[in-house]
Amino acid sequence: MYSKGTSSNVGLSQGLSQETMATTSTISIAQVDVMDVSQGAYTI
């Protein structure tokens, strides 16, 4: 019973951390896109 609850908690925390990492990487990609656009505008 106890080990079952512990393993489910570990699974939850792993899922949350993976979700957070995915969100962070998406945000960083969006920031790079914005930087590329602004650099392109300056170049033109």
C-alpha atoms as a PDB file:
ATOM      1  CA  MET A   1       0.000   0.000   0.000  1.00  0.00           C
ATOM      2  CA  TYR A   2       2.704   2.474   1.048  1.00  0.00           C
ATOM      3  CA  SER A   3       5.082   1.647  -1.805  1.00  0.00           C
ATOM      4  CA  LYS A   4       2.192   1.940  -4.261  1.00  0.00           C
ATOM      5  CA  GLY A   5       1.426   5.478  -3.091  1.00  0.00           C
ATOM      6  CA  THR A   6       5.100   6.430  -3.198  1.00  0.00           C
ATOM      7  CA  SER A   7       5.561   5.191  -6.745  1.00  0.00           C
ATOM      8  CA  SER A   8       2.479   7.095  -7.929  1.00  0.00           C
ATOM      9  CA  ASN A   9       3.836  10.274  -6.311  1.00  0.00           C
ATOM     10  CA  VAL A  10       7.166   9.765  -8.090  1.00  0.00           C
ATOM     11  CA  GLY A  11       5.340   9.272 -11.382  1.00  0.00           C
ATOM     12  CA  LEU A  12       3.381  12.476 -10.806  1.00  0.00           C
ATOM     13  CA  SER A  13       6.489  14.540 -10.043  1.00  0.00           C
ATOM     14  CA  GLN A  14       8.271  13.132 -13.108  1.00  0.00           C
ATOM     15  CA  GLY A  15       5.281  13.984 -15.303  1.00  0.00           C
ATOM     16  CA  LEU A  16       5.170  17.511 -13.911  1.00  0.00           C
ATOM     17  CA  SER A  17       8.900  18.086 -14.444  1.00  0.00           C
ATOM     18  CA  GLN A  18       8.658  16.785 -18.023  1.00  0.00           C
ATOM     19  CA  GLU A  19       5.703  19.095 -18.668  1.00  0.00           C
ATOM     20  CA  THR A  20       7.633  22.037 -17.219  1.00  0.00           C
ATOM     21  CA  MET A  21      10.664  21.263 -19.399  1.00  0.00           C
ATOM     22  CA  ALA A  22       8.469  21.016 -22.508  1.00  0.00           C
ATOM     23  CA  THR A  23       6.882  24.383 -21.705  1.00  0.00           C
ATOM     24  CA  THR A  24      10.276  25.970 -21.073  1.00  0.00           C
ATOM     25  CA  SER A  25      11.720  24.681 -24.353  1.00  0.00           C
ATOM     26  CA  THR A  26       8.665  25.971 -26.246  1.00  0.00           C
ATOM     27  CA  ILE A  27       9.117  29.415 -24.686  1.00  0.00           C
ATOM     28  CA  SER A  28      12.843  29.499 -25.528  1.00  0.00           C
ATOM     29  CA  ILE A  29      12.087  28.506 -29.141  1.00  0.00           C
ATOM     30  CA  ALA A  30       9.522  31.328 -29.346  1.00  0.00           C
ATOM     31  CA  GLN A  31      12.109  33.796 -28.013  1.00  0.00           C
ATOM     32  CA  VAL A  32      14.613  32.666 -30.670  1.00  0.00           C
ATOM     33  CA  ASP A  33      11.955  33.168 -33.374  1.00  0.00           C
ATOM     34  CA  VAL A  34      11.312  36.715 -32.156  1.00  0.00           C
ATOM     35  CA  MET A  35      15.053  37.457 -32.141  1.00  0.00           C
ATOM     36  CA  ASP A  36      15.430  36.137 -35.698  1.00  0.00           C
ATOM     37  CA  VAL A  37      12.543  38.308 -36.904  1.00  0.00           C
ATOM     38  CA  SER A  38      13.912  41.461 -35.259  1.00  0.00           C
ATOM     39  CA  GLN A  39      17.410  40.816 -36.653  1.00  0.00           C
ATOM     40  CA  GLY A  40      15.932  40.269 -40.105  1.00  0.00           C
ATOM     41  CA  ALA A  41      14.008  43.552 -39.840  1.00  0.00           C
ATOM     42  CA  TYR A  42      17.192  45.400 -38.880  1.00  0.00           C
ATOM     43  CA  THR A  43      19.088  43.780 -41.759  1.00  0.00           C
ATOM     44  CA  ILE A  44      16.456  44.898 -44.285  1.00  0.00           C
END
